[in-house]
PDB file of N, CA and C in Angstrom:
ATOM      1  N   MET A   1      23.471 -27.317 -10.009  1.00  0.00           N
ATOM      2  CA  MET A   1      24.470 -26.506 -10.669  1.00  0.00           C
ATOM      3  C   MET A   1      25.391 -25.904  -9.622  1.00  0.00           C
ATOM      4  N   ASN A   2      26.649 -25.770  -9.987  1.00  0.00           N
ATOM      5  CA  ASN A   2      27.606 -25.114  -9.109  1.00  0.00           C
ATOM      6  C   ASN A   2      27.608 -23.612  -9.411  1.00  0.00           C
ATOM      7  N   ALA A   3      27.300 -22.822  -8.422  1.00  0.00           N
ATOM      8  CA  ALA A   3      27.262 -21.365  -8.594  1.00  0.00           C
ATOM      9  C   ALA A   3      28.637 -20.781  -8.275  1.00  0.00           C
ATOM     10  N   VAL A   4      29.552 -20.993  -9.203  1.00  0.00           N
ATOM     11  CA  VAL A   4      30.917 -20.486  -9.060  1.00  0.00           C
ATOM     12  C   VAL A   4      31.342 -19.858 -10.383  1.00  0.00           C
ATOM     13  N   ALA A   5      32.321 -18.976 -10.305  1.00  0.00           N
ATOM     14  CA  ALA A   5      32.872 -18.377 -11.526  1.00  0.00           C
ATOM     15  C   ALA A   5      33.777 -19.390 -12.216  1.00  0.00           C
ATOM     16  N   PRO A   6      34.041 -19.205 -13.485  1.00  0.00           N
ATOM     17  CA  PRO A   6      34.808 -20.201 -14.227  1.00  0.00           C
ATOM     18  C   PRO A   6      36.296 -20.268 -13.892  1.00  0.00           C
ATOM     19  N   GLY A   7      36.874 -19.250 -13.323  1.00  0.00           N
ATOM     20  CA  GLY A   7      38.318 -19.252 -13.077  1.00  0.00           C
ATOM     21  C   GLY A   7      38.678 -19.671 -11.666  1.00  0.00           C
ATOM     22  N   ALA A   8      38.864 -20.961 -11.435  1.00  0.00           N
ATOM     23  CA  ALA A   8      39.242 -21.427 -10.105  1.00  0.00           C
ATOM     24  C   ALA A   8      40.618 -20.883  -9.734  1.00  0.00           C
ATOM     25  N   VAL A   9      40.770 -20.449  -8.494  1.00  0.00           N
ATOM     26  CA  VAL A   9      42.056 -19.934  -8.023  1.00  0.00           C
ATOM     27  C   VAL A   9      42.439 -20.622  -6.719  1.00  0.00           C
ATOM     28  N   ARG A  10      43.716 -20.672  -6.460  1.00  0.00           N
ATOM     29  CA  ARG A  10      44.217 -21.211  -5.205  1.00  0.00           C
ATOM     30  C   ARG A  10      44.143 -20.125  -4.135  1.00  0.00           C
ATOM     31  N   GLN A  11      44.210 -20.540  -2.879  1.00  0.00           N
ATOM     32  CA  GLN A  11      44.121 -19.618  -1.755  1.00  0.00           C
ATOM     33  C   GLN A  11      45.181 -18.520  -1.860  1.00  0.00           C
ATOM     34  N   LEU A  12      46.398 -18.876  -2.224  1.00  0.00           N
ATOM     35  CA  LEU A  12      47.479 -17.897  -2.314  1.00  0.00           C
ATOM     36  C   LEU A  12      47.155 -16.815  -3.343  1.00  0.00           C
ATOM     37  N   GLU A  13      46.638 -17.222  -4.492  1.00  0.00           N
ATOM     38  CA  GLU A  13      46.265 -16.249  -5.521  1.00  0.00           C
ATOM     39  C   GLU A  13      45.112 -15.378  -5.038  1.00  0.00           C
ATOM     40  N   PHE A  14      44.147 -15.982  -4.353  1.00  0.00           N
ATOM     41  CA  PHE A  14      43.023 -15.210  -3.817  1.00  0.00           C
ATOM     42  C   PHE A  14      43.524 -14.171  -2.824  1.00  0.00           C
ATOM     43  N   ALA A  15      44.392 -14.578  -1.907  1.00  0.00           N
ATOM     44  CA  ALA A  15      44.919 -13.660  -0.896  1.00  0.00           C
ATOM     45  C   ALA A  15      45.689 -12.513  -1.536  1.00  0.00           C
ATOM     46  N   ARG A  16      46.513 -12.808  -2.514  1.00  0.00           N
ATOM     47  CA  ARG A  16      47.291 -11.763  -3.191  1.00  0.00           C
ATOM     48  C   ARG A  16      46.393 -10.804  -3.966  1.00  0.00           C
ATOM     49  N   THR A  17      45.378 -11.350  -4.635  1.00  0.00           N
ATOM     50  CA  THR A  17      44.460 -10.506  -5.392  1.00  0.00           C
ATOM     51  C   THR A  17      43.650  -9.627  -4.456  1.00  0.00           C
ATOM     52  N   LEU A  18      43.155 -10.185  -3.375  1.00  0.00           N
ATOM     53  CA  LEU A  18      42.396  -9.407  -2.391  1.00  0.00           C
ATOM     54  C   LEU A  18      43.263  -8.305  -1.799  1.00  0.00           C
ATOM     55  N   ALA A  19      44.495  -8.617  -1.471  1.00  0.00           N
ATOM     56  CA  ALA A  19      45.408  -7.607  -0.926  1.00  0.00           C
ATOM     57  C   ALA A  19      45.636  -6.481  -1.933  1.00  0.00           C
ATOM     58  N   ARG A  20      45.803  -6.832  -3.201  1.00  0.00           N
ATOM     59  CA  ARG A  20      46.013  -5.831  -4.245  1.00  0.00           C
ATOM     60  C   ARG A  20      44.787  -4.931  -4.385  1.00  0.00           C
ATOM     61  N   VAL A  21      43.599  -5.525  -4.375  1.00  0.00           N
ATOM     62  CA  VAL A  21      42.364  -4.751  -4.505  1.00  0.00           C
ATOM     63  C   VAL A  21      42.178  -3.816  -3.303  1.00  0.00           C
ATOM     64  N   LEU A  22      42.537  -4.294  -2.126  1.00  0.00           N
ATOM     65  CA  LEU A  22      42.395  -3.479  -0.917  1.00  0.00           C
ATOM     66  C   LEU A  22      43.550  -2.507  -0.722  1.00  0.00           C
ATOM     67  N   GLY A  23      44.595  -2.655  -1.527  1.00  0.00           N
ATOM     68  CA  GLY A  23      45.755  -1.793  -1.381  1.00  0.00           C
ATOM     69  C   GLY A  23      46.528  -2.067  -0.109  1.00  0.00           C
ATOM     70  N   ARG A  24      46.561  -3.330   0.284  1.00  0.00           N
ATOM     71  CA  ARG A  24      47.248  -3.735   1.510  1.00  0.00           C
ATOM     72  C   ARG A  24      48.233  -4.850   1.203  1.00  0.00           C
ATOM     73  N   PRO A  25      49.183  -5.053   2.084  1.00  0.00           N
ATOM     74  CA  PRO A  25      50.131  -6.151   1.847  1.00  0.00           C
ATOM     75  C   PRO A  25      49.490  -7.512   2.106  1.00  0.00           C
ATOM     76  N   ALA A  26      49.960  -8.500   1.389  1.00  0.00           N
ATOM     77  CA  ALA A  26      49.536  -9.886   1.630  1.00  0.00           C
ATOM     78  C   ALA A  26      50.593 -10.505   2.533  1.00  0.00           C
ATOM     79  N   TRP A  27      50.209 -10.838   3.732  1.00  0.00           N
ATOM     80  CA  TRP A  27      51.141 -11.415   4.693  1.00  0.00           C
ATOM     81  C   TRP A  27      51.384 -12.876   4.399  1.00  0.00           C
ATOM     82  N   MET A  28      52.342 -13.411   5.072  1.00  0.00           N
ATOM     83  CA  MET A  28      52.646 -14.832   4.873  1.00  0.00           C
ATOM     84  C   MET A  28      51.449 -15.671   5.317  1.00  0.00           C
ATOM     85  N   PRO A  29      51.262 -16.830   4.734  1.00  0.00           N
ATOM     86  CA  PRO A  29      50.112 -17.670   5.094  1.00  0.00           C
ATOM     87  C   PRO A  29      50.222 -18.190   6.520  1.00  0.00           C
ATOM     88  N   ALA A  30      49.076 -18.419   7.124  1.00  0.00           N
ATOM     89  CA  ALA A  30      49.047 -18.973   8.480  1.00  0.00           C
ATOM     90  C   ALA A  30      49.384 -20.458   8.405  1.00  0.00           C
ATOM     91  N   PRO A  31      50.277 -20.924   9.250  1.00  0.00           N
ATOM     92  CA  PRO A  31      50.604 -22.356   9.235  1.00  0.00           C
ATOM     93  C   PRO A  31      49.425 -23.191   9.734  1.00  0.00           C
ATOM     94  N   ALA A  32      49.257 -24.354   9.152  1.00  0.00           N
ATOM     95  CA  ALA A  32      48.137 -25.234   9.499  1.00  0.00           C
ATOM     96  C   ALA A  32      48.105 -25.548  10.987  1.00  0.00           C
ATOM     97  N   PHE A  33      49.273 -25.799  11.604  1.00  0.00           N
ATOM     98  CA  PHE A  33      49.276 -26.152  13.025  1.00  0.00           C
ATOM     99  C   PHE A  33      48.725 -25.003  13.876  1.00  0.00           C
ATOM    100  N   ALA A  34      48.989 -23.750  13.483  1.00  0.00           N
ATOM    101  CA  ALA A  34      48.489 -22.610  14.249  1.00  0.00           C
ATOM    102  C   ALA A  34      46.970 -22.502  14.127  1.00  0.00           C
ATOM    103  N   LEU A  35      46.446 -22.728  12.923  1.00  0.00           N
ATOM    104  CA  LEU A  35      45.000 -22.685  12.731  1.00  0.00           C
ATOM    105  C   LEU A  35      44.313 -23.795  13.517  1.00  0.00           C
ATOM    106  N   ARG A  36      44.916 -24.981  13.513  1.00  0.00           N
ATOM    107  CA  ARG A  36      44.347 -26.099  14.273  1.00  0.00           C
ATOM    108  C   ARG A  36      44.386 -25.828  15.766  1.00  0.00           C
ATOM    109  N   LEU A  37      45.454 -25.206  16.244  1.00  0.00           N
ATOM    110  CA  LEU A  37      45.575 -24.867  17.651  1.00  0.00           C
ATOM    111  C   LEU A  37      44.533 -23.824  18.043  1.00  0.00           C
ATOM    112  N   LEU A  38      44.335 -22.851  17.181  1.00  0.00           N
ATOM    113  CA  LEU A  38      43.407 -21.760  17.455  1.00  0.00           C
ATOM    114  C   LEU A  38      41.944 -22.202  17.370  1.00  0.00           C
ATOM    115  N   LEU A  39      41.608 -22.967  16.340  1.00  0.00           N
ATOM    116  CA  LEU A  39      40.211 -23.327  16.077  1.00  0.00           C
ATOM    117  C   LEU A  39      39.846 -24.764  16.429  1.00  0.00           C
ATOM    118  N   GLY A  40      40.826 -25.581  16.677  1.00  0.00           N
ATOM    119  CA  GLY A  40      40.576 -27.008  16.845  1.00  0.00           C
ATOM    120  C   GLY A  40      40.785 -27.705  15.519  1.00  0.00           C
ATOM    121  N   ARG A  41      41.227 -28.935  15.575  1.00  0.00           N
ATOM    122  CA  ARG A  41      41.588 -29.656  14.356  1.00  0.00           C
ATOM    123  C   ARG A  41      40.435 -29.778  13.362  1.00  0.00           C
ATOM    124  N   GLU A  42      39.290 -30.242  13.852  1.00  0.00           N
ATOM    125  CA  GLU A  42      38.161 -30.490  12.943  1.00  0.00           C
ATOM    126  C   GLU A  42      37.668 -29.212  12.278  1.00  0.00           C
ATOM    127  N   MET A  43      37.491 -28.150  13.043  1.00  0.00           N
ATOM    128  CA  MET A  43      36.977 -26.912  12.470  1.00  0.00           C
ATOM    129  C   MET A  43      37.988 -26.299  11.492  1.00  0.00           C
ATOM    130  N   ALA A  44      39.251 -26.276  11.859  1.00  0.00           N
ATOM    131  CA  ALA A  44      40.271 -25.719  10.966  1.00  0.00           C
ATOM    132  C   ALA A  44      40.342 -26.521   9.670  1.00  0.00           C
ATOM    133  N   ASP A  45      40.319 -27.841   9.791  1.00  0.00           N
ATOM    134  CA  ASP A  45      40.400 -28.680   8.596  1.00  0.00           C
ATOM    135  C   ASP A  45      39.192 -28.482   7.689  1.00  0.00           C
ATOM    136  N   GLU A  46      38.002 -28.389   8.261  1.00  0.00           N
ATOM    137  CA  GLU A  46      36.782 -28.252   7.467  1.00  0.00           C
ATOM    138  C   GLU A  46      36.616 -26.852   6.882  1.00  0.00           C
ATOM    139  N   LEU A  47      36.882 -25.824   7.685  1.00  0.00           N
ATOM    140  CA  LEU A  47      36.612 -24.462   7.243  1.00  0.00           C
ATOM    141  C   LEU A  47      37.746 -23.813   6.461  1.00  0.00           C
ATOM    142  N   LEU A  48      38.963 -24.067   6.864  1.00  0.00           N
ATOM    143  CA  LEU A  48      40.074 -23.308   6.296  1.00  0.00           C
ATOM    144  C   LEU A  48      41.085 -24.115   5.497  1.00  0.00           C
ATOM    145  N   LEU A  49      41.246 -25.372   5.823  1.00  0.00           N
ATOM    146  CA  LEU A  49      42.323 -26.133   5.212  1.00  0.00           C
ATOM    147  C   LEU A  49      41.857 -27.112   4.133  1.00  0.00           C
ATOM    148  N   ALA A  50      40.555 -27.347   4.069  1.00  0.00           N
ATOM    149  CA  ALA A  50      40.026 -28.258   3.047  1.00  0.00           C
ATOM    150  C   ALA A  50      40.121 -27.597   1.672  1.00  0.00           C
ATOM    151  N   SER A  51      40.187 -28.404   0.655  1.00  0.00           N
ATOM    152  CA  SER A  51      40.318 -27.882  -0.696  1.00  0.00           C
ATOM    153  C   SER A  51      39.297 -28.551  -1.606  1.00  0.00           C
ATOM    154  N   GLN A  52      38.658 -27.740  -2.425  1.00  0.00           N
ATOM    155  CA  GLN A  52      37.734 -28.273  -3.417  1.00  0.00           C
ATOM    156  C   GLN A  52      37.919 -27.491  -4.704  1.00  0.00           C
ATOM    157  N   ARG A  53      37.922 -28.198  -5.791  1.00  0.00           N
ATOM    158  CA  ARG A  53      37.968 -27.528  -7.091  1.00  0.00           C
ATOM    159  C   ARG A  53      36.601 -27.746  -7.731  1.00  0.00           C
ATOM    160  N   VAL A  54      35.835 -26.693  -7.787  1.00  0.00           N
ATOM    161  CA  VAL A  54      34.479 -26.750  -8.326  1.00  0.00           C
ATOM    162  C   VAL A  54      34.441 -25.933  -9.603  1.00  0.00           C
ATOM    163  N   GLU A  55      33.841 -26.490 -10.624  1.00  0.00           N
ATOM    164  CA  GLU A  55      33.746 -25.804 -11.911  1.00  0.00           C
ATOM    165  C   GLU A  55      32.283 -25.704 -12.338  1.00  0.00           C
ATOM    166  N   PRO A  56      31.915 -24.604 -12.989  1.00  0.00           N
ATOM    167  CA  PRO A  56      30.523 -24.410 -13.426  1.00  0.00           C
ATOM    168  C   PRO A  56      30.257 -25.019 -14.799  1.00  0.00           C
ATOM    169  N   ARG A  57      30.594 -26.272 -14.938  1.00  0.00           N
ATOM    170  CA  ARG A  57      30.517 -26.927 -16.252  1.00  0.00           C
ATOM    171  C   ARG A  57      29.130 -26.813 -16.878  1.00  0.00           C
ATOM    172  N   ARG A  58      28.086 -27.105 -16.114  1.00  0.00           N
ATOM    173  CA  ARG A  58      26.722 -27.061 -16.673  1.00  0.00           C
ATOM    174  C   ARG A  58      26.345 -25.655 -17.131  1.00  0.00           C
ATOM    175  N   LEU A  59      26.691 -24.666 -16.314  1.00  0.00           N
ATOM    176  CA  LEU A  59      26.393 -23.284 -16.703  1.00  0.00           C
ATOM    177  C   LEU A  59      27.114 -22.916 -17.992  1.00  0.00           C
ATOM    178  N   GLN A  60      28.357 -23.317 -18.109  1.00  0.00           N
ATOM    179  CA  GLN A  60      29.112 -23.026 -19.316  1.00  0.00           C
ATOM    180  C   GLN A  60      28.518 -23.740 -20.524  1.00  0.00           C
ATOM    181  N   GLU A  61      28.046 -24.955 -20.328  1.00  0.00           N
ATOM    182  CA  GLU A  61      27.429 -25.707 -21.423  1.00  0.00           C
ATOM    183  C   GLU A  61      26.164 -25.027 -21.934  1.00  0.00           C
ATOM    184  N   THR A  62      25.468 -24.322 -21.049  1.00  0.00           N
ATOM    185  CA  THR A  62      24.243 -23.623 -21.457  1.00  0.00           C
ATOM    186  C   THR A  62      24.538 -22.293 -22.134  1.00  0.00           C
ATOM    187  N   GLY A  63      25.810 -21.878 -22.126  1.00  0.00           N
ATOM    188  CA  GLY A  63      26.173 -20.602 -22.732  1.00  0.00           C
ATOM    189  C   GLY A  63      26.015 -19.429 -21.788  1.00  0.00           C
ATOM    190  N   TYR A  64      25.862 -19.711 -20.515  1.00  0.00           N
ATOM    191  CA  TYR A  64      25.704 -18.647 -19.524  1.00  0.00           C
ATOM    192  C   TYR A  64      26.871 -17.656 -19.611  1.00  0.00           C
ATOM    193  N   ALA A  65      26.551 -16.366 -19.604  1.00  0.00           N
ATOM    194  CA  ALA A  65      27.578 -15.319 -19.656  1.00  0.00           C
ATOM    195  C   ALA A  65      27.824 -14.808 -18.239  1.00  0.00           C
ATOM    196  N   PHE A  66      28.993 -15.060 -17.733  1.00  0.00           N
ATOM    197  CA  PHE A  66      29.339 -14.611 -16.386  1.00  0.00           C
ATOM    198  C   PHE A  66      29.608 -13.111 -16.398  1.00  0.00           C
ATOM    199  N   ARG A  67      29.069 -12.415 -15.433  1.00  0.00           N
ATOM    200  CA  ARG A  67      29.288 -10.978 -15.339  1.00  0.00           C
ATOM    201  C   ARG A  67      30.732 -10.677 -14.941  1.00  0.00           C
ATOM    202  N   PHE A  68      31.273 -11.477 -14.037  1.00  0.00           N
ATOM    203  CA  PHE A  68      32.650 -11.318 -13.582  1.00  0.00           C
ATOM    204  C   PHE A  68      33.353 -12.668 -13.626  1.00  0.00           C
ATOM    205  N   PRO A  69      33.861 -13.077 -14.779  1.00  0.00           N
ATOM    206  CA  PRO A  69      34.507 -14.384 -14.875  1.00  0.00           C
ATOM    207  C   PRO A  69      35.879 -14.441 -14.209  1.00  0.00           C
ATOM    208  N   ALA A  70      36.480 -13.292 -13.920  1.00  0.00           N
ATOM    209  CA  ALA A  70      37.797 -13.264 -13.283  1.00  0.00           C
ATOM    210  C   ALA A  70      37.683 -12.716 -11.859  1.00  0.00           C
ATOM    211  N   LEU A  71      38.600 -13.109 -11.021  1.00  0.00           N
ATOM    212  CA  LEU A  71      38.544 -12.772  -9.598  1.00  0.00           C
ATOM    213  C   LEU A  71      38.658 -11.280  -9.318  1.00  0.00           C
ATOM    214  N   GLU A  72      39.650 -10.621  -9.866  1.00  0.00           N
ATOM    215  CA  GLU A  72      39.888  -9.217  -9.492  1.00  0.00           C
ATOM    216  C   GLU A  72      38.704  -8.303  -9.789  1.00  0.00           C
ATOM    217  N   PRO A  73      38.118  -8.341 -10.987  1.00  0.00           N
ATOM    218  CA  PRO A  73      36.938  -7.492 -11.221  1.00  0.00           C
ATOM    219  C   PRO A  73      35.768  -7.834 -10.286  1.00  0.00           C
ATOM    220  N   ALA A  74      35.615  -9.101  -9.954  1.00  0.00           N
ATOM    221  CA  ALA A  74      34.541  -9.499  -9.040  1.00  0.00           C
ATOM    222  C   ALA A  74      34.772  -8.909  -7.652  1.00  0.00           C
ATOM    223  N   LEU A  75      36.003  -8.993  -7.156  1.00  0.00           N
ATOM    224  CA  LEU A  75      36.311  -8.421  -5.842  1.00  0.00           C
ATOM    225  C   LEU A  75      36.136  -6.906  -5.852  1.00  0.00           C
ATOM    226  N   LEU A  76      36.583  -6.253  -6.918  1.00  0.00           N
ATOM    227  CA  LEU A  76      36.406  -4.804  -7.013  1.00  0.00           C
ATOM    228  C   LEU A  76      34.929  -4.435  -6.951  1.00  0.00           C
ATOM    229  N   HIS A  77      34.091  -5.189  -7.649  1.00  0.00           N
ATOM    230  CA  HIS A  77      32.654  -4.928  -7.650  1.00  0.00           C
ATOM    231  C   HIS A  77      32.044  -5.145  -6.266  1.00  0.00           C
ATOM    232  N   VAL A  78      32.325  -6.279  -5.672  1.00  0.00           N
ATOM    233  CA  VAL A  78      31.738  -6.613  -4.366  1.00  0.00           C
ATOM    234  C   VAL A  78      32.202  -5.633  -3.292  1.00  0.00           C
ATOM    235  N   LEU A  79      33.483  -5.332  -3.278  1.00  0.00           N
ATOM    236  CA  LEU A  79      34.011  -4.434  -2.249  1.00  0.00           C
ATOM    237  C   LEU A  79      33.552  -3.000  -2.460  1.00  0.00           C
ATOM    238  N   ALA A  80      33.356  -2.580  -3.694  1.00  0.00           N
ATOM    239  CA  ALA A  80      32.835  -1.242  -3.960  1.00  0.00           C
ATOM    240  C   ALA A  80      31.396  -1.128  -3.477  1.00  0.00           C
ATOM    241  N   ARG A  81      30.605  -2.179  -3.678  1.00  0.00           N
ATOM    242  CA  ARG A  81      29.217  -2.175  -3.202  1.00  0.00           C
ATOM    243  C   ARG A  81      29.179  -2.109  -1.686  1.00  0.00           C
ATOM    244  N   GLY A  82      30.057  -2.862  -1.040  1.00  0.00           N
ATOM    245  CA  GLY A  82      30.114  -2.831   0.418  1.00  0.00           C
ATOM    246  C   GLY A  82      30.531  -1.467   0.930  1.00  0.00           C
ATOM    247  N   SER A  83      31.460  -0.832   0.230  1.00  0.00           N
ATOM    248  CA  SER A  83      31.928   0.494   0.603  1.00  0.00           C
ATOM    249  C   SER A  83      30.805   1.518   0.457  1.00  0.00           C
ATOM    250  N   ALA A  84      30.049   1.412  -0.623  1.00  0.00           N
ATOM    251  CA  ALA A  84      28.931   2.333  -0.845  1.00  0.00           C
ATOM    252  C   ALA A  84      27.866   2.147   0.226  1.00  0.00           C
ATOM    253  N   ALA A  85      27.587   0.908   0.589  1.00  0.00           N
ATOM    254  CA  ALA A  85      26.586   0.636   1.625  1.00  0.00           C
ATOM    255  C   ALA A  85      27.047   1.192   2.974  1.00  0.00           C
ATOM    256  N   ARG A  86      28.339   1.013   3.290  1.00  0.00           N
ATOM    257  CA  ARG A  86      28.862   1.557   4.554  1.00  0.00           C
ATOM    258  C   ARG A  86      28.797   3.077   4.547  1.00  0.00           C
ATOM    259  N   SER A  87      29.061   3.681   3.402  1.00  0.00           N
ATOM    260  CA  SER A  87      29.021   5.132   3.288  1.00  0.00           C
ATOM    261  C   SER A  87      27.601   5.644   3.530  1.00  0.00           C
ATOM    262  N   LEU A  88      26.607   4.980   2.967  1.00  0.00           N
ATOM    263  CA  LEU A  88      25.210   5.362   3.179  1.00  0.00           C
ATOM    264  C   LEU A  88      24.820   5.222   4.641  1.00  0.00           C
ATOM    265  N   THR A  89      25.244   4.134   5.275  1.00  0.00           N
ATOM    266  CA  THR A  89      24.924   3.910   6.678  1.00  0.00           C
ATOM    267  C   THR A  89      25.570   4.974   7.551  1.00  0.00           C
ATOM    268  N   THR A  90      26.802   5.326   7.256  1.00  0.00           N
ATOM    269  CA  THR A  90      27.508   6.342   8.027  1.00  0.00           C
ATOM    270  C   THR A  90      26.809   7.689   7.890  1.00  0.00           C
ATOM    271  N   ARG A  91      26.388   8.050   6.670  1.00  0.00           N
ATOM    272  CA  ARG A  91      25.680   9.310   6.472  1.00  0.00           C
ATOM    273  C   ARG A  91      24.345   9.304   7.203  1.00  0.00           C
ATOM    274  N   ALA A  92      23.624   8.182   7.180  1.00  0.00           N
ATOM    275  CA  ALA A  92      22.334   8.095   7.852  1.00  0.00           C
ATOM    276  C   ALA A  92      22.508   8.212   9.364  1.00  0.00           C
ATOM    277  N   ASP A  93      23.577   7.642   9.900  1.00  0.00           N
ATOM    278  CA  ASP A  93      23.843   7.726  11.331  1.00  0.00           C
ATOM    279  C   ASP A  93      24.184   9.146  11.752  1.00  0.00           C
ATOM    280  N   ALA A  94      24.761   9.926  10.853  1.00  0.00           N
ATOM    281  CA  ALA A  94      25.167  11.286  11.177  1.00  0.00           C
ATOM    282  C   ALA A  94      23.983  12.241  11.214  1.00  0.00           C
ATOM    283  N   ILE A  95      22.889  11.873  10.563  1.00  0.00           N
ATOM    284  CA  ILE A  95      21.722  12.758  10.490  1.00  0.00           C
ATOM    285  C   ILE A  95      20.926  12.724  11.765  1.00  0.00           C
TER     286      ILE A  95
END
């Protein structure tokens, strides 16, 4: 089974949504040649430039109810949990 949410998004949409959730600007995309120069052709192509469209067809067929079927609520949830964990760690370090 593919463990992905049902709403596939492109990198540009992901970047814009993440920027909105973080309250930061979304900068222009990095050009492929710069990523290849920085990371090497093979690593850049495999890690950052490759594209796959994966859908959770089997999960949907079983009637699985996704907790966060859309990107923005999922990012808000994940980033809020990370923020809470960092806050706890900071308080523990201060004691």
